[in-house]
Amino acid sequence: MSATRSLQETYAAHARCFGCGPANPLGLRIRSFALDDTAAAHVVCDFTPENHHEAFENVLNGGIIGTVLDCHMNWTTIYHLMRKQGLDHAPSCVTAEFKVVLRRPTRMGPIHVDAHVVSSTDDRAIIEATMTADGKVTAQGSGTFIAVKPDHPAYYRW
């Protein structure tokens, strides 16, 4: 895995998702990177929000926080399933459910997200993620993410 190309750029260069799609010029375009080449790898993301992502003066909007966590946890699932099943392509995964806990205001500036798999089956994973800013935990996410089949509208998205 290249250290300069994100999972999204490597496996879904034409994806248009608002949160993680490299092909969406108006989206957040988050970039996720696996820390190693195993199914148990932590997947990290560094993101710097722009001023129009503010909720109020110098504080990141909660919806943007949720989007970053959701998309990043989804890519953690994708990477996990790829490694677990020996796939050379990214399975199309979607969010079944996710939860965000806002621990404290997330100040504008660089944020870091670290996600990992809690448990998984052949087609789904439960993921937990922690967002930090200024060295403090500002939000936590958890959720269930599922690899979809050809009859699902998201199956052919990349």
N, C-alpha and C. Protein backbone atom coordinates (compact mmCIF):
# COMPACT_ATOMS: atom_id res chain seq x y z
N MET A 1 0.84 -1.17 0.00
CA MET A 1 0.00 0.00 0.00
C MET A 1 0.88 1.24 0.00
N SER A 2 0.61 2.12 -0.92
CA SER A 2 1.38 3.35 -1.05
C SER A 2 1.07 4.30 0.10
N ALA A 3 2.09 4.95 0.61
CA ALA A 3 1.90 5.90 1.70
C ALA A 3 1.34 7.22 1.20
N THR A 4 1.37 7.46 -0.10
CA THR A 4 0.90 8.74 -0.62
C THR A 4 -0.51 8.66 -1.20
N ARG A 5 -0.96 7.49 -1.60
CA ARG A 5 -2.32 7.33 -2.14
C ARG A 5 -3.21 6.72 -1.07
N SER A 6 -4.31 7.38 -0.81
CA SER A 6 -5.25 6.90 0.20
C SER A 6 -5.97 5.66 -0.30
N LEU A 7 -6.68 5.00 0.60
CA LEU A 7 -7.52 3.87 0.21
C LEU A 7 -8.54 4.31 -0.83
N GLN A 8 -9.14 5.48 -0.62
CA GLN A 8 -10.14 5.98 -1.55
C GLN A 8 -9.54 6.23 -2.94
N GLU A 9 -8.38 6.85 -3.00
CA GLU A 9 -7.73 7.14 -4.28
C GLU A 9 -7.27 5.87 -4.97
N THR A 10 -6.88 4.87 -4.19
CA THR A 10 -6.38 3.61 -4.75
C THR A 10 -7.51 2.73 -5.26
N TYR A 11 -8.60 2.62 -4.50
CA TYR A 11 -9.63 1.64 -4.81
C TYR A 11 -10.95 2.23 -5.31
N ALA A 12 -11.13 3.54 -5.22
CA ALA A 12 -12.42 4.14 -5.63
C ALA A 12 -12.21 5.55 -6.16
N ALA A 13 -11.29 5.68 -7.08
CA ALA A 13 -10.91 7.01 -7.60
C ALA A 13 -12.07 7.78 -8.21
N HIS A 14 -13.11 7.10 -8.67
CA HIS A 14 -14.24 7.77 -9.32
C HIS A 14 -15.45 7.94 -8.40
N ALA A 15 -15.29 7.58 -7.12
CA ALA A 15 -16.40 7.67 -6.18
C ALA A 15 -16.78 9.14 -5.94
N ARG A 16 -18.10 9.37 -5.81
CA ARG A 16 -18.61 10.74 -5.66
C ARG A 16 -19.15 11.03 -4.26
N CYS A 17 -18.97 10.13 -3.32
CA CYS A 17 -19.48 10.33 -1.97
C CYS A 17 -19.06 11.70 -1.43
N PHE A 18 -19.98 12.40 -0.77
CA PHE A 18 -19.67 13.72 -0.21
C PHE A 18 -18.51 13.66 0.78
N GLY A 19 -18.47 12.62 1.60
CA GLY A 19 -17.44 12.55 2.64
C GLY A 19 -16.10 12.05 2.15
N CYS A 20 -16.11 11.00 1.32
CA CYS A 20 -14.84 10.35 1.00
C CYS A 20 -14.56 10.19 -0.49
N GLY A 21 -15.42 10.69 -1.34
CA GLY A 21 -15.22 10.51 -2.77
C GLY A 21 -14.15 11.40 -3.37
N PRO A 22 -13.09 10.82 -3.91
CA PRO A 22 -12.05 11.62 -4.54
C PRO A 22 -12.56 12.42 -5.75
N ALA A 23 -13.66 11.96 -6.36
CA ALA A 23 -14.17 12.61 -7.57
C ALA A 23 -15.23 13.67 -7.27
N ASN A 24 -15.46 13.97 -6.01
CA ASN A 24 -16.45 15.00 -5.65
C ASN A 24 -15.72 16.30 -5.32
N PRO A 25 -15.69 17.25 -6.25
CA PRO A 25 -14.93 18.48 -6.01
C PRO A 25 -15.50 19.35 -4.88
N LEU A 26 -16.77 19.14 -4.50
CA LEU A 26 -17.38 19.91 -3.43
C LEU A 26 -17.43 19.14 -2.11
N GLY A 27 -16.96 17.89 -2.11
CA GLY A 27 -17.01 17.06 -0.92
C GLY A 27 -15.84 17.28 0.01
N LEU A 28 -15.84 16.54 1.11
CA LEU A 28 -14.76 16.62 2.10
C LEU A 28 -13.48 15.96 1.60
N ARG A 29 -13.65 14.92 0.79
CA ARG A 29 -12.52 14.18 0.19
C ARG A 29 -11.53 13.69 1.25
N ILE A 30 -12.07 13.07 2.31
CA ILE A 30 -11.17 12.55 3.34
C ILE A 30 -10.30 11.45 2.75
N ARG A 31 -9.16 11.24 3.35
CA ARG A 31 -8.19 10.27 2.86
C ARG A 31 -7.82 9.33 4.01
N SER A 32 -8.09 8.04 3.84
CA SER A 32 -7.85 7.04 4.87
C SER A 32 -6.64 6.18 4.50
N PHE A 33 -5.83 5.85 5.52
CA PHE A 33 -4.60 5.08 5.32
C PHE A 33 -4.51 3.98 6.36
N ALA A 34 -4.25 2.75 5.91
CA ALA A 34 -4.04 1.63 6.82
C ALA A 34 -2.63 1.70 7.39
N LEU A 35 -2.50 1.43 8.67
CA LEU A 35 -1.18 1.49 9.30
C LEU A 35 -0.33 0.25 9.03
N ASP A 36 -0.96 -0.84 8.64
CA ASP A 36 -0.21 -2.02 8.19
C ASP A 36 -1.07 -2.82 7.22
N ASP A 37 -0.55 -3.93 6.76
CA ASP A 37 -1.18 -4.70 5.69
C ASP A 37 -1.96 -5.91 6.21
N THR A 38 -2.55 -5.79 7.40
CA THR A 38 -3.29 -6.90 7.97
C THR A 38 -4.77 -6.56 8.13
N ALA A 39 -5.58 -7.58 8.31
CA ALA A 39 -7.02 -7.38 8.51
C ALA A 39 -7.30 -6.65 9.82
N ALA A 40 -6.36 -6.71 10.77
CA ALA A 40 -6.55 -6.05 12.06
C ALA A 40 -5.97 -4.63 12.09
N ALA A 41 -5.53 -4.14 10.98
CA ALA A 41 -4.87 -2.83 10.92
C ALA A 41 -5.77 -1.71 11.40
N HIS A 42 -5.19 -0.79 12.13
CA HIS A 42 -5.86 0.47 12.41
C HIS A 42 -5.81 1.28 11.12
N VAL A 43 -6.85 2.04 10.87
CA VAL A 43 -6.91 2.91 9.69
C VAL A 43 -7.04 4.33 10.21
N VAL A 44 -6.19 5.22 9.69
CA VAL A 44 -6.15 6.59 10.19
C VAL A 44 -6.48 7.59 9.09
N CYS A 45 -6.91 8.75 9.54
CA CYS A 45 -7.28 9.83 8.63
C CYS A 45 -6.89 11.15 9.28
N ASP A 46 -6.25 12.00 8.52
CA ASP A 46 -5.98 13.36 8.96
C ASP A 46 -6.75 14.28 8.04
N PHE A 47 -7.47 15.22 8.62
CA PHE A 47 -8.35 16.09 7.85
C PHE A 47 -8.28 17.50 8.44
N THR A 48 -8.20 18.47 7.56
CA THR A 48 -8.24 19.87 8.00
C THR A 48 -9.49 20.51 7.42
N PRO A 49 -10.45 20.82 8.29
CA PRO A 49 -11.70 21.43 7.80
C PRO A 49 -11.46 22.85 7.30
N GLU A 50 -12.38 23.31 6.48
CA GLU A 50 -12.34 24.67 5.96
C GLU A 50 -13.32 25.54 6.74
N ASN A 51 -13.18 26.84 6.61
CA ASN A 51 -14.01 27.76 7.38
C ASN A 51 -15.50 27.50 7.20
N HIS A 52 -15.94 27.10 6.01
CA HIS A 52 -17.37 26.88 5.80
C HIS A 52 -17.88 25.59 6.46
N HIS A 53 -17.01 24.86 7.16
CA HIS A 53 -17.40 23.67 7.92
C HIS A 53 -17.68 24.02 9.39
N GLU A 54 -17.60 25.29 9.74
CA GLU A 54 -17.82 25.72 11.13
C GLU A 54 -19.29 25.61 11.54
N ALA A 55 -19.50 25.28 12.82
CA ALA A 55 -20.82 25.37 13.43
C ALA A 55 -21.00 26.79 13.98
N PHE A 56 -19.97 27.25 14.64
CA PHE A 56 -19.88 28.62 15.14
C PHE A 56 -18.40 28.94 15.27
N GLU A 57 -18.09 30.10 15.73
CA GLU A 57 -16.71 30.60 15.73
C GLU A 57 -15.69 29.56 16.20
N ASN A 58 -14.83 29.14 15.27
CA ASN A 58 -13.69 28.26 15.54
C ASN A 58 -14.08 26.85 16.02
N VAL A 59 -15.32 26.39 15.76
CA VAL A 59 -15.75 25.05 16.17
C VAL A 59 -16.35 24.32 14.97
N LEU A 60 -15.88 23.10 14.76
CA LEU A 60 -16.33 22.27 13.64
C LEU A 60 -17.77 21.82 13.82
N ASN A 61 -18.54 21.86 12.75
CA ASN A 61 -19.93 21.44 12.73
C ASN A 61 -20.06 19.95 13.07
N GLY A 62 -21.03 19.61 13.89
CA GLY A 62 -21.24 18.22 14.29
C GLY A 62 -21.60 17.30 13.14
N GLY A 63 -22.31 17.81 12.13
CA GLY A 63 -22.63 17.00 10.96
C GLY A 63 -21.39 16.64 10.15
N ILE A 64 -20.46 17.55 10.08
CA ILE A 64 -19.19 17.27 9.40
C ILE A 64 -18.41 16.23 10.19
N ILE A 65 -18.41 16.36 11.51
CA ILE A 65 -17.74 15.36 12.36
C ILE A 65 -18.35 13.99 12.09
N GLY A 66 -19.68 13.91 12.07
CA GLY A 66 -20.35 12.64 11.81
C GLY A 66 -20.00 12.07 10.44
N THR A 67 -19.95 12.93 9.44
CA THR A 67 -19.61 12.47 8.09
C THR A 67 -18.20 11.92 8.02
N VAL A 68 -17.26 12.63 8.63
CA VAL A 68 -15.86 12.16 8.63
C VAL A 68 -15.78 10.80 9.33
N LEU A 69 -16.40 10.67 10.49
CA LEU A 69 -16.36 9.40 11.21
C LEU A 69 -17.05 8.29 10.42
N ASP A 70 -18.22 8.56 9.87
CA ASP A 70 -18.98 7.56 9.10
C ASP A 70 -18.16 7.04 7.92
N CYS A 71 -17.69 7.94 7.08
CA CYS A 71 -16.95 7.51 5.89
C CYS A 71 -15.65 6.80 6.26
N HIS A 72 -14.96 7.31 7.27
CA HIS A 72 -13.69 6.68 7.65
C HIS A 72 -13.92 5.28 8.24
N MET A 73 -14.96 5.12 9.03
CA MET A 73 -15.26 3.78 9.57
C MET A 73 -15.68 2.83 8.45
N ASN A 74 -16.40 3.34 7.46
CA ASN A 74 -16.78 2.51 6.31
C ASN A 74 -15.52 2.02 5.59
N TRP A 75 -14.55 2.91 5.37
CA TRP A 75 -13.30 2.49 4.70
C TRP A 75 -12.46 1.57 5.57
N THR A 76 -12.60 1.67 6.87
CA THR A 76 -11.92 0.72 7.76
C THR A 76 -12.51 -0.67 7.53
N THR A 77 -13.83 -0.74 7.38
CA THR A 77 -14.50 -2.01 7.06
C THR A 77 -14.04 -2.54 5.71
N ILE A 78 -14.02 -1.69 4.71
CA ILE A 78 -13.61 -2.11 3.36
C ILE A 78 -12.21 -2.70 3.40
N TYR A 79 -11.30 -2.00 4.04
CA TYR A 79 -9.92 -2.49 4.10
C TYR A 79 -9.85 -3.82 4.85
N HIS A 80 -10.57 -3.90 5.96
CA HIS A 80 -10.59 -5.14 6.75
C HIS A 80 -11.09 -6.32 5.92
N LEU A 81 -12.23 -6.13 5.23
CA LEU A 81 -12.79 -7.22 4.43
C LEU A 81 -11.87 -7.60 3.27
N MET A 82 -11.22 -6.62 2.68
CA MET A 82 -10.26 -6.91 1.60
C MET A 82 -9.14 -7.83 2.12
N ARG A 83 -8.57 -7.49 3.25
CA ARG A 83 -7.46 -8.27 3.79
C ARG A 83 -7.94 -9.62 4.31
N LYS A 84 -9.07 -9.65 4.96
CA LYS A 84 -9.61 -10.89 5.53
C LYS A 84 -9.94 -11.90 4.43
N GLN A 85 -10.45 -11.40 3.29
CA GLN A 85 -10.89 -12.28 2.20
C GLN A 85 -9.89 -12.38 1.06
N GLY A 86 -8.76 -11.69 1.15
CA GLY A 86 -7.76 -11.72 0.10
C GLY A 86 -8.20 -11.07 -1.20
N LEU A 87 -9.03 -10.03 -1.13
CA LEU A 87 -9.55 -9.37 -2.32
C LEU A 87 -8.54 -8.36 -2.88
N ASP A 88 -8.56 -8.17 -4.19
CA ASP A 88 -7.72 -7.16 -4.83
C ASP A 88 -8.52 -5.92 -5.19
N HIS A 89 -9.78 -5.87 -4.77
CA HIS A 89 -10.65 -4.73 -5.06
C HIS A 89 -11.45 -4.40 -3.79
N ALA A 90 -11.97 -3.20 -3.77
CA ALA A 90 -12.74 -2.75 -2.61
C ALA A 90 -14.19 -3.21 -2.72
N PRO A 91 -14.66 -4.00 -1.78
CA PRO A 91 -16.08 -4.34 -1.81
C PRO A 91 -16.91 -3.09 -1.50
N SER A 92 -18.07 -2.98 -2.11
CA SER A 92 -18.95 -1.84 -1.83
C SER A 92 -19.61 -2.07 -0.48
N CYS A 93 -19.30 -1.19 0.45
CA CYS A 93 -19.86 -1.28 1.80
C CYS A 93 -20.71 -0.06 2.08
N VAL A 94 -21.71 -0.25 2.91
CA VAL A 94 -22.60 0.83 3.31
C VAL A 94 -22.75 0.82 4.83
N THR A 95 -23.25 1.92 5.34
CA THR A 95 -23.49 2.06 6.76
C THR A 95 -24.85 1.47 7.11
N ALA A 96 -24.88 0.53 8.05
CA ALA A 96 -26.15 0.00 8.54
C ALA A 96 -26.62 0.85 9.72
N GLU A 97 -25.69 1.22 10.57
CA GLU A 97 -25.99 2.11 11.69
C GLU A 97 -24.68 2.70 12.19
N PHE A 98 -24.76 3.92 12.70
CA PHE A 98 -23.60 4.47 13.36
C PHE A 98 -24.02 5.47 14.41
N LYS A 99 -23.13 5.66 15.36
CA LYS A 99 -23.39 6.54 16.49
C LYS A 99 -22.18 7.45 16.65
N VAL A 100 -22.45 8.70 16.97
CA VAL A 100 -21.40 9.66 17.24
C VAL A 100 -21.62 10.24 18.63
N VAL A 101 -20.57 10.26 19.42
CA VAL A 101 -20.60 10.89 20.74
C VAL A 101 -19.65 12.08 20.67
N LEU A 102 -20.20 13.27 20.87
CA LEU A 102 -19.39 14.49 20.85
C LEU A 102 -18.91 14.74 22.28
N ARG A 103 -17.63 14.57 22.50
CA ARG A 103 -17.04 14.66 23.85
C ARG A 103 -16.77 16.10 24.28
N ARG A 104 -16.36 16.92 23.32
CA ARG A 104 -16.05 18.33 23.59
C ARG A 104 -16.03 19.04 22.25
N PRO A 105 -16.07 20.35 22.21
CA PRO A 105 -16.01 21.04 20.92
C PRO A 105 -14.72 20.68 20.17
N THR A 106 -14.87 20.47 18.88
CA THR A 106 -13.72 20.19 18.02
C THR A 106 -13.31 21.52 17.38
N ARG A 107 -12.18 22.02 17.83
CA ARG A 107 -11.68 23.30 17.32
C ARG A 107 -11.29 23.16 15.85
N MET A 108 -11.47 24.23 15.12
CA MET A 108 -11.05 24.26 13.72
C MET A 108 -9.53 24.08 13.66
N GLY A 109 -9.08 23.36 12.68
CA GLY A 109 -7.68 23.02 12.52
C GLY A 109 -7.57 21.54 12.25
N PRO A 110 -6.36 21.02 12.17
CA PRO A 110 -6.18 19.61 11.85
C PRO A 110 -6.86 18.68 12.86
N ILE A 111 -7.52 17.65 12.33
CA ILE A 111 -8.09 16.61 13.18
C ILE A 111 -7.51 15.27 12.75
N HIS A 112 -7.52 14.34 13.66
CA HIS A 112 -6.99 12.99 13.40
C HIS A 112 -8.05 11.99 13.82
N VAL A 113 -8.26 10.97 12.99
CA VAL A 113 -9.21 9.90 13.31
C VAL A 113 -8.47 8.57 13.23
N ASP A 114 -8.65 7.75 14.25
CA ASP A 114 -8.07 6.41 14.29
C ASP A 114 -9.23 5.43 14.47
N ALA A 115 -9.36 4.48 13.54
CA ALA A 115 -10.46 3.50 13.59
C ALA A 115 -9.92 2.08 13.58
N HIS A 116 -10.66 1.18 14.19
CA HIS A 116 -10.27 -0.23 14.20
C HIS A 116 -11.52 -1.11 14.25
N VAL A 117 -11.34 -2.36 13.87
CA VAL A 117 -12.42 -3.34 13.87
C VAL A 117 -12.58 -3.92 15.27
N VAL A 118 -13.81 -3.96 15.74
CA VAL A 118 -14.12 -4.58 17.02
C VAL A 118 -14.48 -6.04 16.79
N SER A 119 -15.29 -6.32 15.76
CA SER A 119 -15.65 -7.68 15.39
C SER A 119 -16.13 -7.68 13.95
N SER A 120 -16.14 -8.87 13.33
CA SER A 120 -16.59 -8.95 11.94
C SER A 120 -17.09 -10.35 11.60
N THR A 121 -17.86 -10.41 10.51
CA THR A 121 -18.25 -11.66 9.88
C THR A 121 -17.80 -11.55 8.43
N ASP A 122 -18.28 -12.44 7.57
CA ASP A 122 -17.85 -12.41 6.17
C ASP A 122 -18.30 -11.16 5.42
N ASP A 123 -19.41 -10.54 5.84
CA ASP A 123 -19.93 -9.41 5.06
C ASP A 123 -20.16 -8.14 5.87
N ARG A 124 -19.66 -8.09 7.09
CA ARG A 124 -19.90 -6.89 7.90
C ARG A 124 -18.85 -6.75 8.99
N ALA A 125 -18.76 -5.54 9.52
CA ALA A 125 -17.84 -5.28 10.63
C ALA A 125 -18.43 -4.23 11.56
N ILE A 126 -18.09 -4.37 12.81
CA ILE A 126 -18.39 -3.35 13.81
C ILE A 126 -17.09 -2.60 14.04
N ILE A 127 -17.18 -1.28 13.91
CA ILE A 127 -16.00 -0.42 13.95
C ILE A 127 -16.13 0.60 15.06
N GLU A 128 -15.01 0.95 15.67
CA GLU A 128 -14.94 2.06 16.61
C GLU A 128 -13.88 3.03 16.12
N ALA A 129 -14.13 4.33 16.34
CA ALA A 129 -13.19 5.36 15.90
C ALA A 129 -13.10 6.45 16.95
N THR A 130 -11.94 7.07 17.02
CA THR A 130 -11.71 8.19 17.93
C THR A 130 -11.17 9.36 17.14
N MET A 131 -11.79 10.53 17.33
CA MET A 131 -11.33 11.76 16.70
C MET A 131 -10.61 12.60 17.75
N THR A 132 -9.44 13.11 17.36
CA THR A 132 -8.70 14.01 18.24
C THR A 132 -8.39 15.31 17.51
N ALA A 133 -8.32 16.38 18.29
CA ALA A 133 -7.90 17.68 17.80
C ALA A 133 -7.16 18.36 18.94
N ASP A 134 -6.09 19.01 18.63
CA ASP A 134 -5.26 19.66 19.66
C ASP A 134 -4.86 18.67 20.76
N GLY A 135 -4.66 17.40 20.40
CA GLY A 135 -4.23 16.39 21.36
C GLY A 135 -5.31 15.90 22.31
N LYS A 136 -6.57 16.30 22.08
CA LYS A 136 -7.66 15.89 22.95
C LYS A 136 -8.71 15.10 22.17
N VAL A 137 -9.31 14.09 22.81
CA VAL A 137 -10.41 13.37 22.19
C VAL A 137 -11.61 14.30 22.14
N THR A 138 -12.13 14.52 20.93
CA THR A 138 -13.28 15.42 20.79
C THR A 138 -14.55 14.68 20.40
N ALA A 139 -14.40 13.51 19.75
CA ALA A 139 -15.58 12.74 19.34
C ALA A 139 -15.20 11.28 19.20
N GLN A 140 -16.19 10.42 19.36
CA GLN A 140 -16.01 8.99 19.16
C GLN A 140 -17.15 8.48 18.31
N GLY A 141 -16.85 7.52 17.47
CA GLY A 141 -17.86 6.92 16.62
C GLY A 141 -17.83 5.42 16.72
N SER A 142 -18.98 4.82 16.46
CA SER A 142 -19.06 3.36 16.38
C SER A 142 -20.18 3.04 15.40
N GLY A 143 -20.08 1.87 14.79
CA GLY A 143 -21.13 1.51 13.85
C GLY A 143 -20.95 0.14 13.25
N THR A 144 -21.97 -0.24 12.49
CA THR A 144 -21.97 -1.50 11.74
C THR A 144 -22.00 -1.15 10.26
N PHE A 145 -21.10 -1.77 9.52
CA PHE A 145 -20.94 -1.50 8.09
C PHE A 145 -21.00 -2.82 7.35
N ILE A 146 -21.73 -2.84 6.22
CA ILE A 146 -22.05 -4.08 5.53
C ILE A 146 -21.61 -4.02 4.07
N ALA A 147 -21.01 -5.12 3.60
CA ALA A 147 -20.70 -5.27 2.17
C ALA A 147 -21.99 -5.68 1.47
N VAL A 148 -22.36 -4.91 0.44
CA VAL A 148 -23.62 -5.16 -0.25
C VAL A 148 -23.44 -6.07 -1.45
N LYS A 149 -24.55 -6.62 -1.90
CA LYS A 149 -24.58 -7.55 -3.04
C LYS A 149 -25.01 -6.80 -4.31
N PRO A 150 -24.91 -7.43 -5.48
CA PRO A 150 -25.24 -6.75 -6.75
C PRO A 150 -26.64 -6.16 -6.85
N ASP A 151 -27.59 -6.62 -6.04
CA ASP A 151 -28.94 -6.06 -6.13
C ASP A 151 -29.10 -4.76 -5.32
N HIS A 152 -28.06 -4.31 -4.67
CA HIS A 152 -28.11 -3.07 -3.88
C HIS A 152 -27.67 -1.89 -4.75
N PRO A 153 -28.33 -0.73 -4.64
CA PRO A 153 -27.97 0.43 -5.49
C PRO A 153 -26.53 0.91 -5.34
N ALA A 154 -25.90 0.65 -4.20
CA ALA A 154 -24.52 1.10 -3.99
C ALA A 154 -23.48 0.14 -4.54
N TYR A 155 -23.92 -1.04 -4.99
CA TYR A 155 -22.95 -2.07 -5.39
C TYR A 155 -21.99 -1.62 -6.49
N TYR A 156 -22.46 -0.92 -7.48
CA TYR A 156 -21.62 -0.54 -8.61
C TYR A 156 -21.09 0.88 -8.52
N ARG A 157 -21.00 1.43 -7.32
CA ARG A 157 -20.64 2.84 -7.19
C ARG A 157 -19.20 3.16 -7.53
N TRP A 158 -18.32 2.20 -7.55
CA TRP A 158 -16.98 2.44 -8.03
C TRP A 158 -16.61 1.33 -8.94
